[in-house]
Amino acid sequence: MQFSLAHTISMQHLQQKIVIRVQHKCKKCQSKSLMIAAMSTGVNSVSLEGEKKDKVVIIGESVDAVGITSLLRKKVGHASLELVDEIK
């Protein structure tokens, strides 16, 4: 069985770094944001960054950044997708 180069590259799982800015009203909302992000498929690590701890940073493989952002909007409050970057 032969695979083309494009097929081989698409089979490799690339690490992604996703940054989502979330307006947290309280500490409980911060915990809820972390839990929502951590329960998503493909997520390896989750942390809060920024001066106000308003950025949820997600590291993972094949993570649905738009899906997580939408879920955070529904469950926590205003959320905006800041960055989706490939980690080499």
PDB file of N, CA and C in Angstrom:
ATOM      1  N   MET A   1       0.848  -1.168   0.000  1.00  0.00           N
ATOM      2  CA  MET A   1       0.000   0.000   0.000  1.00  0.00           C
ATOM      3  C   MET A   1       0.894   1.231   0.000  1.00  0.00           C
ATOM      4  N   GLN A   2       0.633   2.165  -0.899  1.00  0.00           N
ATOM      5  CA  GLN A   2       1.430   3.372  -0.995  1.00  0.00           C
ATOM      6  C   GLN A   2       0.621   4.571  -0.535  1.00  0.00           C
ATOM      7  N   PHE A   3       1.282   5.469   0.152  1.00  0.00           N
ATOM      8  CA  PHE A   3       0.665   6.722   0.562  1.00  0.00           C
ATOM      9  C   PHE A   3       1.409   7.854  -0.106  1.00  0.00           C
ATOM     10  N   SER A   4       0.691   8.870  -0.484  1.00  0.00           N
ATOM     11  CA  SER A   4       1.343  10.058  -1.031  1.00  0.00           C
ATOM     12  C   SER A   4       1.914  10.889   0.119  1.00  0.00           C
ATOM     13  N   LEU A   5       2.800  11.788  -0.222  1.00  0.00           N
ATOM     14  CA  LEU A   5       3.416  12.660   0.780  1.00  0.00           C
ATOM     15  C   LEU A   5       2.364  13.509   1.494  1.00  0.00           C
ATOM     16  N   ALA A   6       1.387  13.999   0.749  1.00  0.00           N
ATOM     17  CA  ALA A   6       0.328  14.831   1.358  1.00  0.00           C
ATOM     18  C   ALA A   6      -0.468  14.018   2.366  1.00  0.00           C
ATOM     19  N   HIS A   7      -0.744  12.766   2.065  1.00  0.00           N
ATOM     20  CA  HIS A   7      -1.491  11.917   2.989  1.00  0.00           C
ATOM     21  C   HIS A   7      -0.684  11.660   4.256  1.00  0.00           C
ATOM     22  N   THR A   8       0.618  11.445   4.105  1.00  0.00           N
ATOM     23  CA  THR A   8       1.488  11.199   5.257  1.00  0.00           C
ATOM     24  C   THR A   8       1.542  12.418   6.164  1.00  0.00           C
ATOM     25  N   ILE A   9       1.634  13.595   5.586  1.00  0.00           N
ATOM     26  CA  ILE A   9       1.691  14.828   6.379  1.00  0.00           C
ATOM     27  C   ILE A   9       0.371  15.047   7.114  1.00  0.00           C
ATOM     28  N   SER A  10      -0.747  14.783   6.443  1.00  0.00           N
ATOM     29  CA  SER A  10      -2.042  15.009   7.087  1.00  0.00           C
ATOM     30  C   SER A  10      -2.290  14.031   8.230  1.00  0.00           C
ATOM     31  N   MET A  11      -1.620  12.886   8.232  1.00  0.00           N
ATOM     32  CA  MET A  11      -1.801  11.908   9.299  1.00  0.00           C
ATOM     33  C   MET A  11      -1.050  12.317  10.571  1.00  0.00           C
ATOM     34  N   GLN A  12      -0.039  13.172  10.430  1.00  0.00           N
ATOM     35  CA  GLN A  12       0.717  13.608  11.593  1.00  0.00           C
ATOM     36  C   GLN A  12      -0.137  14.584  12.404  1.00  0.00           C
ATOM     37  N   HIS A  13      -0.134  14.393  13.707  1.00  0.00           N
ATOM     38  CA  HIS A  13      -0.878  15.301  14.571  1.00  0.00           C
ATOM     39  C   HIS A  13       0.051  16.417  15.015  1.00  0.00           C
ATOM     40  N   LEU A  14      -0.301  17.629  14.680  1.00  0.00           N
ATOM     41  CA  LEU A  14       0.504  18.780  15.028  1.00  0.00           C
ATOM     42  C   LEU A  14      -0.027  19.416  16.302  1.00  0.00           C
ATOM     43  N   GLN A  15       0.884  19.797  17.162  1.00  0.00           N
ATOM     44  CA  GLN A  15       0.506  20.481  18.396  1.00  0.00           C
ATOM     45  C   GLN A  15       0.043  21.893  18.057  1.00  0.00           C
ATOM     46  N   GLN A  16      -1.015  22.322  18.717  1.00  0.00           N
ATOM     47  CA  GLN A  16      -1.545  23.666  18.529  1.00  0.00           C
ATOM     48  C   GLN A  16      -1.508  24.422  19.847  1.00  0.00           C
ATOM     49  N   LYS A  17      -1.314  25.722  19.725  1.00  0.00           N
ATOM     50  CA  LYS A  17      -1.472  26.612  20.877  1.00  0.00           C
ATOM     51  C   LYS A  17      -2.641  27.527  20.546  1.00  0.00           C
ATOM     52  N   ILE A  18      -3.635  27.511  21.422  1.00  0.00           N
ATOM     53  CA  ILE A  18      -4.840  28.306  21.226  1.00  0.00           C
ATOM     54  C   ILE A  18      -4.984  29.253  22.411  1.00  0.00           C
ATOM     55  N   VAL A  19      -5.220  30.524  22.115  1.00  0.00           N
ATOM     56  CA  VAL A  19      -5.425  31.520  23.175  1.00  0.00           C
ATOM     57  C   VAL A  19      -6.817  32.117  22.991  1.00  0.00           C
ATOM     58  N   ILE A  20      -7.626  32.035  24.043  1.00  0.00           N
ATOM     59  CA  ILE A  20      -8.979  32.581  24.030  1.00  0.00           C
ATOM     60  C   ILE A  20      -9.106  33.570  25.188  1.00  0.00           C
ATOM     61  N   ARG A  21      -9.496  34.803  24.878  1.00  0.00           N
ATOM     62  CA  ARG A  21      -9.701  35.809  25.925  1.00  0.00           C
ATOM     63  C   ARG A  21     -11.133  35.690  26.428  1.00  0.00           C
ATOM     64  N   VAL A  22     -11.271  35.523  27.748  1.00  0.00           N
ATOM     65  CA  VAL A  22     -12.585  35.337  28.366  1.00  0.00           C
ATOM     66  C   VAL A  22     -12.758  36.377  29.472  1.00  0.00           C
ATOM     67  N   GLN A  23     -13.918  37.017  29.518  1.00  0.00           N
ATOM     68  CA  GLN A  23     -14.211  37.962  30.595  1.00  0.00           C
ATOM     69  C   GLN A  23     -14.791  37.182  31.771  1.00  0.00           C
ATOM     70  N   HIS A  24     -13.969  36.999  32.789  1.00  0.00           N
ATOM     71  CA  HIS A  24     -14.392  36.267  33.987  1.00  0.00           C
ATOM     72  C   HIS A  24     -14.982  37.248  34.992  1.00  0.00           C
ATOM     73  N   LYS A  25     -16.117  36.892  35.548  1.00  0.00           N
ATOM     74  CA  LYS A  25     -16.767  37.735  36.552  1.00  0.00           C
ATOM     75  C   LYS A  25     -16.279  37.407  37.958  1.00  0.00           C
ATOM     76  N   CYS A  26     -15.793  36.165  38.143  1.00  0.00           N
ATOM     77  CA  CYS A  26     -15.363  35.742  39.473  1.00  0.00           C
ATOM     78  C   CYS A  26     -14.374  34.574  39.335  1.00  0.00           C
ATOM     79  N   LYS A  27     -13.843  34.139  40.455  1.00  0.00           N
ATOM     80  CA  LYS A  27     -12.892  33.017  40.473  1.00  0.00           C
ATOM     81  C   LYS A  27     -13.558  31.721  40.012  1.00  0.00           C
ATOM     82  N   LYS A  28     -14.826  31.562  40.347  1.00  0.00           N
ATOM     83  CA  LYS A  28     -15.556  30.357  39.943  1.00  0.00           C
ATOM     84  C   LYS A  28     -15.655  30.281  38.417  1.00  0.00           C
ATOM     85  N   CYS A  29     -15.823  31.427  37.775  1.00  0.00           N
ATOM     86  CA  CYS A  29     -15.874  31.470  36.310  1.00  0.00           C
ATOM     87  C   CYS A  29     -14.533  31.068  35.694  1.00  0.00           C
ATOM     88  N   GLN A  30     -13.436  31.437  36.359  1.00  0.00           N
ATOM     89  CA  GLN A  30     -12.115  31.023  35.881  1.00  0.00           C
ATOM     90  C   GLN A  30     -11.991  29.503  35.930  1.00  0.00           C
ATOM     91  N   SER A  31     -12.416  28.916  37.026  1.00  0.00           N
ATOM     92  CA  SER A  31     -12.372  27.456  37.165  1.00  0.00           C
ATOM     93  C   SER A  31     -13.252  26.781  36.125  1.00  0.00           C
ATOM     94  N   LYS A  32     -14.414  27.355  35.888  1.00  0.00           N
ATOM     95  CA  LYS A  32     -15.344  26.797  34.911  1.00  0.00           C
ATOM     96  C   LYS A  32     -14.740  26.848  33.499  1.00  0.00           C
ATOM     97  N   SER A  33     -14.062  27.942  33.170  1.00  0.00           N
ATOM     98  CA  SER A  33     -13.396  28.075  31.872  1.00  0.00           C
ATOM     99  C   SER A  33     -12.336  27.000  31.685  1.00  0.00           C
ATOM    100  N   LEU A  34     -11.535  26.799  32.721  1.00  0.00           N
ATOM    101  CA  LEU A  34     -10.485  25.778  32.649  1.00  0.00           C
ATOM    102  C   LEU A  34     -11.083  24.380  32.485  1.00  0.00           C
ATOM    103  N   MET A  35     -12.154  24.112  33.199  1.00  0.00           N
ATOM    104  CA  MET A  35     -12.787  22.797  33.125  1.00  0.00           C
ATOM    105  C   MET A  35     -13.394  22.556  31.737  1.00  0.00           C
ATOM    106  N   ILE A  36     -14.045  23.549  31.184  1.00  0.00           N
ATOM    107  CA  ILE A  36     -14.634  23.417  29.849  1.00  0.00           C
ATOM    108  C   ILE A  36     -13.547  23.139  28.811  1.00  0.00           C
ATOM    109  N   ALA A  37     -12.457  23.887  28.886  1.00  0.00           N
ATOM    110  CA  ALA A  37     -11.363  23.703  27.926  1.00  0.00           C
ATOM    111  C   ALA A  37     -10.689  22.340  28.103  1.00  0.00           C
ATOM    112  N   ALA A  38     -10.484  21.926  29.347  1.00  0.00           N
ATOM    113  CA  ALA A  38      -9.790  20.667  29.621  1.00  0.00           C
ATOM    114  C   ALA A  38     -10.598  19.453  29.179  1.00  0.00           C
ATOM    115  N   MET A  39     -11.915  19.550  29.185  1.00  0.00           N
ATOM    116  CA  MET A  39     -12.762  18.417  28.820  1.00  0.00           C
ATOM    117  C   MET A  39     -12.911  18.256  27.309  1.00  0.00           C
ATOM    118  N   SER A  40     -12.398  19.188  26.539  1.00  0.00           N
ATOM    119  CA  SER A  40     -12.509  19.118  25.085  1.00  0.00           C
ATOM    120  C   SER A  40     -11.559  18.074  24.511  1.00  0.00           C
ATOM    121  N   THR A  41     -11.947  17.497  23.396  1.00  0.00           N
ATOM    122  CA  THR A  41     -11.158  16.446  22.749  1.00  0.00           C
ATOM    123  C   THR A  41      -9.838  16.981  22.221  1.00  0.00           C
ATOM    124  N   GLY A  42      -8.761  16.256  22.495  1.00  0.00           N
ATOM    125  CA  GLY A  42      -7.442  16.591  21.973  1.00  0.00           C
ATOM    126  C   GLY A  42      -6.619  17.528  22.830  1.00  0.00           C
ATOM    127  N   VAL A  43      -7.162  18.006  23.933  1.00  0.00           N
ATOM    128  CA  VAL A  43      -6.460  18.974  24.785  1.00  0.00           C
ATOM    129  C   VAL A  43      -5.461  18.257  25.685  1.00  0.00           C
ATOM    130  N   ASN A  44      -4.214  18.754  25.691  1.00  0.00           N
ATOM    131  CA  ASN A  44      -3.161  18.198  26.544  1.00  0.00           C
ATOM    132  C   ASN A  44      -2.938  19.028  27.802  1.00  0.00           C
ATOM    133  N   SER A  45      -3.029  20.352  27.683  1.00  0.00           N
ATOM    134  CA  SER A  45      -2.845  21.204  28.861  1.00  0.00           C
ATOM    135  C   SER A  45      -3.653  22.493  28.709  1.00  0.00           C
ATOM    136  N   VAL A  46      -4.033  23.040  29.861  1.00  0.00           N
ATOM    137  CA  VAL A  46      -4.825  24.276  29.910  1.00  0.00           C
ATOM    138  C   VAL A  46      -4.261  25.152  31.019  1.00  0.00           C
ATOM    139  N   SER A  47      -4.172  26.455  30.758  1.00  0.00           N
ATOM    140  CA  SER A  47      -3.706  27.369  31.807  1.00  0.00           C
ATOM    141  C   SER A  47      -4.333  28.746  31.598  1.00  0.00           C
ATOM    142  N   LEU A  48      -4.261  29.560  32.646  1.00  0.00           N
ATOM    143  CA  LEU A  48      -4.706  30.953  32.579  1.00  0.00           C
ATOM    144  C   LEU A  48      -3.473  31.838  32.525  1.00  0.00           C
ATOM    145  N   GLU A  49      -3.477  32.798  31.620  1.00  0.00           N
ATOM    146  CA  GLU A  49      -2.355  33.722  31.502  1.00  0.00           C
ATOM    147  C   GLU A  49      -2.878  35.138  31.391  1.00  0.00           C
ATOM    148  N   GLY A  50      -1.978  36.062  31.393  1.00  0.00           N
ATOM    149  CA  GLY A  50      -2.339  37.474  31.296  1.00  0.00           C
ATOM    150  C   GLY A  50      -2.337  38.114  32.668  1.00  0.00           C
ATOM    151  N   GLU A  51      -2.266  39.426  32.668  1.00  0.00           N
ATOM    152  CA  GLU A  51      -2.221  40.191  33.906  1.00  0.00           C
ATOM    153  C   GLU A  51      -3.476  39.974  34.742  1.00  0.00           C
ATOM    154  N   LYS A  52      -4.623  39.889  34.082  1.00  0.00           N
ATOM    155  CA  LYS A  52      -5.895  39.693  34.786  1.00  0.00           C
ATOM    156  C   LYS A  52      -6.354  38.245  34.765  1.00  0.00           C
ATOM    157  N   LYS A  53      -5.486  37.333  34.315  1.00  0.00           N
ATOM    158  CA  LYS A  53      -5.845  35.905  34.171  1.00  0.00           C
ATOM    159  C   LYS A  53      -7.072  35.760  33.284  1.00  0.00           C
ATOM    160  N   ASP A  54      -7.094  36.549  32.197  1.00  0.00           N
ATOM    161  CA  ASP A  54      -8.252  36.547  31.313  1.00  0.00           C
ATOM    162  C   ASP A  54      -8.017  35.787  30.008  1.00  0.00           C
ATOM    163  N   LYS A  55      -6.860  35.148  29.880  1.00  0.00           N
ATOM    164  CA  LYS A  55      -6.562  34.378  28.671  1.00  0.00           C
ATOM    165  C   LYS A  55      -6.462  32.898  29.015  1.00  0.00           C
ATOM    166  N   VAL A  56      -7.288  32.101  28.357  1.00  0.00           N
ATOM    167  CA  VAL A  56      -7.233  30.652  28.509  1.00  0.00           C
ATOM    168  C   VAL A  56      -6.313  30.148  27.411  1.00  0.00           C
ATOM    169  N   VAL A  57      -5.201  29.507  27.804  1.00  0.00           N
ATOM    170  CA  VAL A  57      -4.227  28.988  26.849  1.00  0.00           C
ATOM    171  C   VAL A  57      -4.365  27.474  26.812  1.00  0.00           C
ATOM    172  N   ILE A  58      -4.594  26.953  25.615  1.00  0.00           N
ATOM    173  CA  ILE A  58      -4.830  25.531  25.418  1.00  0.00           C
ATOM    174  C   ILE A  58      -3.743  24.978  24.509  1.00  0.00           C
ATOM    175  N   ILE A  59      -3.135  23.875  24.910  1.00  0.00           N
ATOM    176  CA  ILE A  59      -2.160  23.157  24.092  1.00  0.00           C
ATOM    177  C   ILE A  59      -2.759  21.788  23.801  1.00  0.00           C
ATOM    178  N   GLY A  60      -2.744  21.392  22.523  1.00  0.00           N
ATOM    179  CA  GLY A  60      -3.297  20.086  22.192  1.00  0.00           C
ATOM    180  C   GLY A  60      -3.153  19.753  20.723  1.00  0.00           C
ATOM    181  N   GLU A  61      -3.735  18.628  20.347  1.00  0.00           N
ATOM    182  CA  GLU A  61      -3.680  18.146  18.966  1.00  0.00           C
ATOM    183  C   GLU A  61      -5.093  18.096  18.399  1.00  0.00           C
ATOM    184  N   SER A  62      -5.278  18.668  17.224  1.00  0.00           N
ATOM    185  CA  SER A  62      -6.567  18.664  16.517  1.00  0.00           C
ATOM    186  C   SER A  62      -7.706  19.180  17.400  1.00  0.00           C
ATOM    187  N   VAL A  63      -7.466  20.289  18.066  1.00  0.00           N
ATOM    188  CA  VAL A  63      -8.453  20.885  18.972  1.00  0.00           C
ATOM    189  C   VAL A  63      -9.385  21.795  18.173  1.00  0.00           C
ATOM    190  N   ASP A  64     -10.672  21.744  18.472  1.00  0.00           N
ATOM    191  CA  ASP A  64     -11.669  22.588  17.828  1.00  0.00           C
ATOM    192  C   ASP A  64     -11.725  23.935  18.560  1.00  0.00           C
ATOM    193  N   ALA A  65     -10.923  24.889  18.099  1.00  0.00           N
ATOM    194  CA  ALA A  65     -10.822  26.190  18.769  1.00  0.00           C
ATOM    195  C   ALA A  65     -12.133  26.963  18.725  1.00  0.00           C
ATOM    196  N   VAL A  66     -12.818  26.927  17.599  1.00  0.00           N
ATOM    197  CA  VAL A  66     -14.079  27.656  17.458  1.00  0.00           C
ATOM    198  C   VAL A  66     -15.148  27.032  18.357  1.00  0.00           C
ATOM    199  N   GLY A  67     -15.168  25.715  18.440  1.00  0.00           N
ATOM    200  CA  GLY A  67     -16.128  25.026  19.298  1.00  0.00           C
ATOM    201  C   GLY A  67     -15.945  25.362  20.763  1.00  0.00           C
ATOM    202  N   ILE A  68     -14.685  25.392  21.221  1.00  0.00           N
ATOM    203  CA  ILE A  68     -14.400  25.737  22.616  1.00  0.00           C
ATOM    204  C   ILE A  68     -14.790  27.190  22.886  1.00  0.00           C
ATOM    205  N   THR A  69     -14.472  28.081  21.949  1.00  0.00           N
ATOM    206  CA  THR A  69     -14.821  29.498  22.116  1.00  0.00           C
ATOM    207  C   THR A  69     -16.340  29.673  22.227  1.00  0.00           C
ATOM    208  N   SER A  70     -17.075  28.986  21.375  1.00  0.00           N
ATOM    209  CA  SER A  70     -18.545  29.066  21.424  1.00  0.00           C
ATOM    210  C   SER A  70     -19.090  28.542  22.740  1.00  0.00           C
ATOM    211  N   LEU A  71     -18.532  27.430  23.211  1.00  0.00           N
ATOM    212  CA  LEU A  71     -18.985  26.852  24.476  1.00  0.00           C
ATOM    213  C   LEU A  71     -18.679  27.780  25.654  1.00  0.00           C
ATOM    214  N   LEU A  72     -17.516  28.427  25.624  1.00  0.00           N
ATOM    215  CA  LEU A  72     -17.169  29.380  26.684  1.00  0.00           C
ATOM    216  C   LEU A  72     -18.133  30.571  26.668  1.00  0.00           C
ATOM    217  N   ARG A  73     -18.524  31.008  25.484  1.00  0.00           N
ATOM    218  CA  ARG A  73     -19.495  32.112  25.388  1.00  0.00           C
ATOM    219  C   ARG A  73     -20.821  31.722  26.016  1.00  0.00           C
ATOM    220  N   LYS A  74     -21.266  30.501  25.758  1.00  0.00           N
ATOM    221  CA  LYS A  74     -22.550  30.038  26.297  1.00  0.00           C
ATOM    222  C   LYS A  74     -22.509  29.850  27.806  1.00  0.00           C
ATOM    223  N   LYS A  75     -21.421  29.285  28.314  1.00  0.00           N
ATOM    224  CA  LYS A  75     -21.359  28.873  29.716  1.00  0.00           C
ATOM    225  C   LYS A  75     -20.766  29.918  30.659  1.00  0.00           C
ATOM    226  N   VAL A  76     -19.866  30.781  30.152  1.00  0.00           N
ATOM    227  CA  VAL A  76     -19.135  31.693  31.045  1.00  0.00           C
ATOM    228  C   VAL A  76     -19.448  33.154  30.765  1.00  0.00           C
ATOM    229  N   GLY A  77     -19.364  33.561  29.529  1.00  0.00           N
ATOM    230  CA  GLY A  77     -19.556  34.964  29.183  1.00  0.00           C
ATOM    231  C   GLY A  77     -18.824  35.287  27.905  1.00  0.00           C
ATOM    232  N   HIS A  78     -18.551  36.555  27.688  1.00  0.00           N
ATOM    233  CA  HIS A  78     -17.901  36.982  26.456  1.00  0.00           C
ATOM    234  C   HIS A  78     -16.541  36.301  26.294  1.00  0.00           C
ATOM    235  N   ALA A  79     -16.309  35.719  25.111  1.00  0.00           N
ATOM    236  CA  ALA A  79     -15.037  35.069  24.800  1.00  0.00           C
ATOM    237  C   ALA A  79     -14.672  35.373  23.359  1.00  0.00           C
ATOM    238  N   SER A  80     -13.387  35.627  23.129  1.00  0.00           N
ATOM    239  CA  SER A  80     -12.929  35.886  21.758  1.00  0.00           C
ATOM    240  C   SER A  80     -11.664  35.080  21.493  1.00  0.00           C
ATOM    241  N   LEU A  81     -11.619  34.495  20.325  1.00  0.00           N
ATOM    242  CA  LEU A  81     -10.482  33.686  19.906  1.00  0.00           C
ATOM    243  C   LEU A  81      -9.353  34.627  19.501  1.00  0.00           C
ATOM    244  N   GLU A  82      -8.241  34.568  20.218  1.00  0.00           N
ATOM    245  CA  GLU A  82      -7.123  35.491  19.978  1.00  0.00           C
ATOM    246  C   GLU A  82      -6.073  34.891  19.044  1.00  0.00           C
ATOM    247  N   LEU A  83      -5.757  33.599  19.237  1.00  0.00           N
ATOM    248  CA  LEU A  83      -4.630  33.012  18.510  1.00  0.00           C
ATOM    249  C   LEU A  83      -4.817  31.514  18.340  1.00  0.00           C
ATOM    250  N   VAL A  84      -4.529  31.032  17.135  1.00  0.00           N
ATOM    251  CA  VAL A  84      -4.395  29.604  16.882  1.00  0.00           C
ATOM    252  C   VAL A  84      -3.081  29.460  16.156  1.00  0.00           C
ATOM    253  N   ASP A  85      -2.124  28.786  16.786  1.00  0.00           N
ATOM    254  CA  ASP A  85      -0.778  28.693  16.228  1.00  0.00           C
ATOM    255  C   ASP A  85      -0.280  27.265  16.318  1.00  0.00           C
ATOM    256  N   GLU A  86       0.568  26.904  15.407  1.00  0.00           N
ATOM    257  CA  GLU A  86       1.159  25.575  15.365  1.00  0.00           C
ATOM    258  C   GLU A  86       2.454  25.586  16.182  1.00  0.00           C
ATOM    259  N   ILE A  87       2.637  24.580  17.020  1.00  0.00           N
ATOM    260  CA  ILE A  87       3.859  24.441  17.805  1.00  0.00           C
ATOM    261  C   ILE A  87       4.731  23.421  17.103  1.00  0.00           C
ATOM    262  N   LYS A  88       5.958  23.787  16.820  1.00  0.00           N
ATOM    263  CA  LYS A  88       6.854  22.872  16.111  1.00  0.00           C
ATOM    264  C   LYS A  88       7.791  22.168  17.039  1.00  0.00           C
TER     265      LYS A  88
END
